[in-house]
């Protein structure tokens, strides 16, 4: 599926991001991007679908449109070619992301209650008692609607390295919010 990593590197996702920033600033080119095993699996599934279903379908549509004759005024042909460009671009994008990914499967790590990249964290707002659950994921996997937050987000940066029972203060545009880490799960 992708590259896996040693357990100790799971605790270094923040350092990995900093190393990547330095490499980009120096122009070293190649840099590793942390990605969860689920994220890599989803990208591989999408890539497979694009290559085995979408690409052949658009190639057939182009061939059919060509059979209609004059290509200059053939809207079906131009639409199919545009769609082909989007598909090929997405394939290249996914392949690039996967080639630069450092896949981290947190489920294979012994849970010691520490917040790390890939962990699912249950939080309680110390003022209101409201509970939140977030999973810390890579930049490209983040989806706040599904409670997936980027490892580079302010809340994730405030949580990484902390333990169950710790109280953390997260700086938000609306002010500082204090959360207690209720539970940390590696799944």
C-alpha atoms as a PDB file:
ATOM      1  CA  UNK A   1       0.000   0.000   0.000  1.00  0.00           C
ATOM      2  CA  UNK A   2       2.618   2.536   0.989  1.00  0.00           C
ATOM      3  CA  UNK A   3       5.574   2.957   3.203  1.00  0.00           C
ATOM      4  CA  UNK A   4       5.160   2.208   6.871  1.00  0.00           C
ATOM      5  CA  UNK A   5       7.245   3.698   9.603  1.00  0.00           C
ATOM      6  CA  UNK A   6       8.865   2.755  12.847  1.00  0.00           C
ATOM      7  CA  UNK A   7       6.850   3.399  16.028  1.00  0.00           C
ATOM      8  CA  UNK A   8       9.217   6.083  17.249  1.00  0.00           C
ATOM      9  CA  UNK A   9       8.610   8.168  14.142  1.00  0.00           C
ATOM     10  CA  UNK A  10       4.925   8.447  15.052  1.00  0.00           C
ATOM     11  CA  UNK A  11       5.900  10.754  17.867  1.00  0.00           C
ATOM     12  CA  UNK A  12       7.838  12.941  15.482  1.00  0.00           C
ATOM     13  CA  UNK A  13       5.095  14.064  13.066  1.00  0.00           C
ATOM     14  CA  UNK A  14       5.514  17.679  14.148  1.00  0.00           C
ATOM     15  CA  UNK A  15       9.288  17.431  13.700  1.00  0.00           C
ATOM     16  CA  UNK A  16       8.708  15.836  10.286  1.00  0.00           C
ATOM     17  CA  UNK A  17       6.629  18.851   9.254  1.00  0.00           C
ATOM     18  CA  UNK A  18       9.350  21.224  10.451  1.00  0.00           C
ATOM     19  CA  UNK A  19      12.023  19.222   8.581  1.00  0.00           C
ATOM     20  CA  UNK A  20       9.863  19.437   5.456  1.00  0.00           C
ATOM     21  CA  UNK A  21       9.571  23.215   5.808  1.00  0.00           C
ATOM     22  CA  UNK A  22      13.352  23.528   6.149  1.00  0.00           C
ATOM     23  CA  UNK A  23      13.908  21.253   3.132  1.00  0.00           C
ATOM     24  CA  UNK A  24      11.529  23.333   1.037  1.00  0.00           C
ATOM     25  CA  UNK A  25      13.219  26.568   2.138  1.00  0.00           C
ATOM     26  CA  UNK A  26      16.633  25.126   1.226  1.00  0.00           C
ATOM     27  CA  UNK A  27      15.258  23.784  -2.044  1.00  0.00           C
ATOM     28  CA  UNK A  28      16.087  20.152  -1.254  1.00  0.00           C
ATOM     29  CA  UNK A  29      12.980  19.117  -3.199  1.00  0.00           C
ATOM     30  CA  UNK A  30      11.850  15.744  -1.877  1.00  0.00           C
ATOM     31  CA  UNK A  31      10.056  15.828   1.447  1.00  0.00           C
ATOM     32  CA  UNK A  32       7.951  13.287   3.319  1.00  0.00           C
ATOM     33  CA  UNK A  33       4.386  14.103   4.290  1.00  0.00           C
ATOM     34  CA  UNK A  34       2.702  12.214   7.130  1.00  0.00           C
ATOM     35  CA  UNK A  35      -0.442  10.349   6.095  1.00  0.00           C
ATOM     36  CA  UNK A  36      -2.614   7.908   8.004  1.00  0.00           C
ATOM     37  CA  UNK A  37      -3.044   4.367   6.725  1.00  0.00           C
ATOM     38  CA  UNK A  38      -6.748   5.143   6.148  1.00  0.00           C
ATOM     39  CA  UNK A  39      -5.836   8.205   4.098  1.00  0.00           C
ATOM     40  CA  UNK A  40      -3.388   6.235   1.955  1.00  0.00           C
ATOM     41  CA  UNK A  41      -5.965   3.475   1.481  1.00  0.00           C
ATOM     42  CA  UNK A  42      -8.602   6.009   0.347  1.00  0.00           C
ATOM     43  CA  UNK A  43      -6.172   7.593  -2.130  1.00  0.00           C
ATOM     44  CA  UNK A  44      -5.167   4.184  -3.505  1.00  0.00           C
ATOM     45  CA  UNK A  45      -8.852   3.280  -3.944  1.00  0.00           C
ATOM     46  CA  UNK A  46      -9.541   6.558  -5.765  1.00  0.00           C
ATOM     47  CA  UNK A  47      -6.441   6.086  -7.937  1.00  0.00           C
ATOM     48  CA  UNK A  48      -7.510   2.568  -8.872  1.00  0.00           C
ATOM     49  CA  UNK A  49     -11.019   3.803  -9.745  1.00  0.00           C
ATOM     50  CA  UNK A  50      -9.624   6.619 -11.889  1.00  0.00           C
ATOM     51  CA  UNK A  51      -7.296   4.256 -13.770  1.00  0.00           C
ATOM     52  CA  UNK A  52      -9.669   1.315 -14.224  1.00  0.00           C
ATOM     53  CA  UNK A  53     -13.087   3.001 -14.567  1.00  0.00           C
ATOM     54  CA  UNK A  54     -12.956   6.750 -15.254  1.00  0.00           C
ATOM     55  CA  UNK A  55      -9.995   6.792 -17.661  1.00  0.00           C
ATOM     56  CA  UNK A  56     -11.308   3.977 -19.925  1.00  0.00           C
ATOM     57  CA  UNK A  57     -14.782   5.550 -19.898  1.00  0.00           C
ATOM     58  CA  UNK A  58     -13.466   8.956 -21.046  1.00  0.00           C
ATOM     59  CA  UNK A  59     -11.231   7.333 -23.700  1.00  0.00           C
ATOM     60  CA  UNK A  60     -14.314   5.548 -25.076  1.00  0.00           C
ATOM     61  CA  UNK A  61     -16.246   8.838 -25.027  1.00  0.00           C
ATOM     62  CA  UNK A  62     -13.451  10.562 -26.982  1.00  0.00           C
ATOM     63  CA  UNK A  63     -13.412   7.746 -29.552  1.00  0.00           C
ATOM     64  CA  UNK A  64     -17.184   7.932 -29.938  1.00  0.00           C
ATOM     65  CA  UNK A  65     -17.108  11.737 -30.314  1.00  0.00           C
ATOM     66  CA  UNK A  66     -14.355  11.451 -32.946  1.00  0.00           C
ATOM     67  CA  UNK A  67     -16.558   9.094 -34.932  1.00  0.00           C
ATOM     68  CA  UNK A  68     -19.127  11.893 -35.281  1.00  0.00           C
ATOM     69  CA  UNK A  69     -16.819  13.774 -37.627  1.00  0.00           C
ATOM     70  CA  UNK A  70     -15.742  17.425 -37.525  1.00  0.00           C
ATOM     71  CA  UNK A  71     -13.889  17.961 -34.224  1.00  0.00           C
ATOM     72  CA  UNK A  72     -13.858  21.772 -34.405  1.00  0.00           C
ATOM     73  CA  UNK A  73     -17.547  22.074 -33.607  1.00  0.00           C
ATOM     74  CA  UNK A  74     -17.955  18.802 -31.690  1.00  0.00           C
ATOM     75  CA  UNK A  75     -18.991  19.752 -28.130  1.00  0.00           C
ATOM     76  CA  UNK A  76     -18.994  16.115 -26.980  1.00  0.00           C
ATOM     77  CA  UNK A  77     -15.376  15.720 -28.083  1.00  0.00           C
ATOM     78  CA  UNK A  78     -14.231  18.912 -26.331  1.00  0.00           C
ATOM     79  CA  UNK A  79     -16.107  17.993 -23.122  1.00  0.00           C
ATOM     80  CA  UNK A  80     -14.572  14.511 -23.121  1.00  0.00           C
ATOM     81  CA  UNK A  81     -11.081  15.929 -23.691  1.00  0.00           C
ATOM     82  CA  UNK A  82     -11.597  18.393 -20.822  1.00  0.00           C
ATOM     83  CA  UNK A  83     -12.760  15.574 -18.562  1.00  0.00           C
ATOM     84  CA  UNK A  84      -9.720  13.543 -19.609  1.00  0.00           C
ATOM     85  CA  UNK A  85      -7.481  16.439 -18.553  1.00  0.00           C
ATOM     86  CA  UNK A  86      -9.119  16.553 -15.109  1.00  0.00           C
ATOM     87  CA  UNK A  87      -8.763  12.781 -14.686  1.00  0.00           C
ATOM     88  CA  UNK A  88      -5.110  12.744 -15.751  1.00  0.00           C
ATOM     89  CA  UNK A  89      -4.391  15.709 -13.471  1.00  0.00           C
ATOM     90  CA  UNK A  90      -6.013  13.985 -10.494  1.00  0.00           C
ATOM     91  CA  UNK A  91      -4.095  10.761 -11.210  1.00  0.00           C
ATOM     92  CA  UNK A  92      -0.813  12.713 -11.249  1.00  0.00           C
ATOM     93  CA  UNK A  93      -1.802  14.539  -8.043  1.00  0.00           C
ATOM     94  CA  UNK A  94      -2.635  11.321  -6.182  1.00  0.00           C
ATOM     95  CA  UNK A  95       0.513   9.551  -7.399  1.00  0.00           C
ATOM     96  CA  UNK A  96       2.590  12.522  -6.231  1.00  0.00           C
ATOM     97  CA  UNK A  97       0.938  12.525  -2.802  1.00  0.00           C
ATOM     98  CA  UNK A  98       1.425   8.786  -2.373  1.00  0.00           C
ATOM     99  CA  UNK A  99       5.066   8.927  -3.479  1.00  0.00           C
ATOM    100  CA  UNK A 100       5.810  11.620  -0.882  1.00  0.00           C
ATOM    101  CA  UNK A 101       3.746  10.002   1.881  1.00  0.00           C
ATOM    102  CA  UNK A 102       5.114   8.575   5.066  1.00  0.00           C
ATOM    103  CA  UNK A 103       2.232   6.274   5.954  1.00  0.00           C
ATOM    104  CA  UNK A 104       1.687   5.953   9.676  1.00  0.00           C
ATOM    105  CA  UNK A 105      -0.579   3.181  10.981  1.00  0.00           C
ATOM    106  CA  UNK A 106      -1.276   4.213  14.555  1.00  0.00           C
ATOM    107  CA  UNK A 107      -3.330   1.051  15.223  1.00  0.00           C
ATOM    108  CA  UNK A 108      -0.073  -0.930  15.343  1.00  0.00           C
ATOM    109  CA  UNK A 109       1.341   1.173  18.186  1.00  0.00           C
ATOM    110  CA  UNK A 110       0.910   0.414  21.874  1.00  0.00           C
ATOM    111  CA  UNK A 111      -1.408   3.047  23.331  1.00  0.00           C
ATOM    112  CA  UNK A 112       0.227   4.837  26.226  1.00  0.00           C
ATOM    113  CA  UNK A 113      -2.348   7.620  26.355  1.00  0.00           C
ATOM    114  CA  UNK A 114      -0.148  10.060  24.449  1.00  0.00           C
ATOM    115  CA  UNK A 115      -1.596  12.210  21.665  1.00  0.00           C
ATOM    116  CA  UNK A 116       0.285  11.442  18.446  1.00  0.00           C
ATOM    117  CA  UNK A 117      -0.315  11.750  14.718  1.00  0.00           C
ATOM    118  CA  UNK A 118      -3.227   9.512  13.750  1.00  0.00           C
ATOM    119  CA  UNK A 119      -4.718   9.337  17.248  1.00  0.00           C
ATOM    120  CA  UNK A 120      -8.394   9.896  17.971  1.00  0.00           C
ATOM    121  CA  UNK A 121      -8.734  12.338  20.861  1.00  0.00           C
ATOM    122  CA  UNK A 122     -11.799  12.923  23.041  1.00  0.00           C
ATOM    123  CA  UNK A 123     -11.834  16.406  24.560  1.00  0.00           C
ATOM    124  CA  UNK A 124     -14.029  18.190  27.093  1.00  0.00           C
ATOM    125  CA  UNK A 125     -14.287  21.972  27.233  1.00  0.00           C
ATOM    126  CA  UNK A 126     -13.431  22.766  30.862  1.00  0.00           C
ATOM    127  CA  UNK A 127     -15.849  25.739  30.976  1.00  0.00           C
ATOM    128  CA  UNK A 128     -18.913  24.340  29.213  1.00  0.00           C
ATOM    129  CA  UNK A 129     -18.392  20.590  29.538  1.00  0.00           C
ATOM    130  CA  UNK A 130     -19.035  20.195  25.793  1.00  0.00           C
ATOM    131  CA  UNK A 131     -17.281  17.133  24.398  1.00  0.00           C
ATOM    132  CA  UNK A 132     -15.511  16.899  21.042  1.00  0.00           C
ATOM    133  CA  UNK A 133     -13.799  14.037  19.247  1.00  0.00           C
ATOM    134  CA  UNK A 134     -11.064  14.679  16.688  1.00  0.00           C
ATOM    135  CA  UNK A 135      -8.680  12.454  14.768  1.00  0.00           C
ATOM    136  CA  UNK A 136      -5.324  14.023  13.918  1.00  0.00           C
ATOM    137  CA  UNK A 137      -4.508  13.400  10.249  1.00  0.00           C
ATOM    138  CA  UNK A 138      -2.323  14.677   7.416  1.00  0.00           C
ATOM    139  CA  UNK A 139      -2.887  18.003   5.665  1.00  0.00           C
ATOM    140  CA  UNK A 140      -4.650  16.431   2.661  1.00  0.00           C
ATOM    141  CA  UNK A 141      -6.905  14.242   4.814  1.00  0.00           C
ATOM    142  CA  UNK A 142      -8.291  17.016   7.016  1.00  0.00           C
ATOM    143  CA  UNK A 143     -12.083  17.347   6.962  1.00  0.00           C
ATOM    144  CA  UNK A 144     -13.525  19.262   9.908  1.00  0.00           C
ATOM    145  CA  UNK A 145     -17.078  18.114   9.064  1.00  0.00           C
ATOM    146  CA  UNK A 146     -15.927  14.556   9.779  1.00  0.00           C
ATOM    147  CA  UNK A 147     -13.830  15.593  12.812  1.00  0.00           C
ATOM    148  CA  UNK A 148     -10.540  15.027  10.980  1.00  0.00           C
ATOM    149  CA  UNK A 149      -8.094  17.807  11.840  1.00  0.00           C
ATOM    150  CA  UNK A 150      -4.754  18.505  10.226  1.00  0.00           C
ATOM    151  CA  UNK A 151      -1.632  17.831  12.251  1.00  0.00           C
ATOM    152  CA  UNK A 152      -0.637  21.405  11.388  1.00  0.00           C
ATOM    153  CA  UNK A 153      -3.830  22.967  12.789  1.00  0.00           C
ATOM    154  CA  UNK A 154      -3.625  25.018  16.002  1.00  0.00           C
ATOM    155  CA  UNK A 155      -5.676  22.531  17.996  1.00  0.00           C
ATOM    156  CA  UNK A 156      -3.611  19.530  16.846  1.00  0.00           C
ATOM    157  CA  UNK A 157      -0.342  21.350  17.541  1.00  0.00           C
ATOM    158  CA  UNK A 158      -1.654  22.057  21.046  1.00  0.00           C
ATOM    159  CA  UNK A 159      -2.592  18.411  21.599  1.00  0.00           C
ATOM    160  CA  UNK A 160       0.335  16.453  20.123  1.00  0.00           C
ATOM    161  CA  UNK A 161       2.647  15.219  22.848  1.00  0.00           C
ATOM    162  CA  UNK A 162       0.085  15.613  25.646  1.00  0.00           C
ATOM    163  CA  UNK A 163      -1.496  12.757  27.632  1.00  0.00           C
ATOM    164  CA  UNK A 164      -4.948  11.632  28.771  1.00  0.00           C
ATOM    165  CA  UNK A 165      -5.976  13.775  31.738  1.00  0.00           C
ATOM    166  CA  UNK A 166      -3.878  16.769  30.657  1.00  0.00           C
ATOM    167  CA  UNK A 167      -5.515  20.158  30.314  1.00  0.00           C
ATOM    168  CA  UNK A 168      -4.478  22.149  27.246  1.00  0.00           C
ATOM    169  CA  UNK A 169      -5.159  25.713  26.188  1.00  0.00           C
ATOM    170  CA  UNK A 170      -5.904  26.136  22.498  1.00  0.00           C
ATOM    171  CA  UNK A 171      -5.578  29.566  20.948  1.00  0.00           C
ATOM    172  CA  UNK A 172      -8.481  30.264  18.585  1.00  0.00           C
ATOM    173  CA  UNK A 173      -9.597  33.408  16.746  1.00  0.00           C
ATOM    174  CA  UNK A 174     -12.395  33.702  19.334  1.00  0.00           C
ATOM    175  CA  UNK A 175      -9.956  33.492  22.249  1.00  0.00           C
ATOM    176  CA  UNK A 176      -8.252  30.823  24.304  1.00  0.00           C
ATOM    177  CA  UNK A 177     -10.223  27.645  25.020  1.00  0.00           C
ATOM    178  CA  UNK A 178      -9.226  25.173  27.706  1.00  0.00           C
ATOM    179  CA  UNK A 179      -9.802  21.465  27.039  1.00  0.00           C
ATOM    180  CA  UNK A 180      -9.214  18.366  29.118  1.00  0.00           C
ATOM    181  CA  UNK A 181      -8.018  15.321  27.196  1.00  0.00           C
ATOM    182  CA  UNK A 182     -10.582  12.704  28.205  1.00  0.00           C
ATOM    183  CA  UNK A 183      -9.340   9.787  26.089  1.00  0.00           C
ATOM    184  CA  UNK A 184      -6.737   8.966  23.446  1.00  0.00           C
ATOM    185  CA  UNK A 185      -7.381   6.069  21.088  1.00  0.00           C
ATOM    186  CA  UNK A 186      -5.122   4.545  18.475  1.00  0.00           C
ATOM    187  CA  UNK A 187      -7.393   2.966  15.867  1.00  0.00           C
END
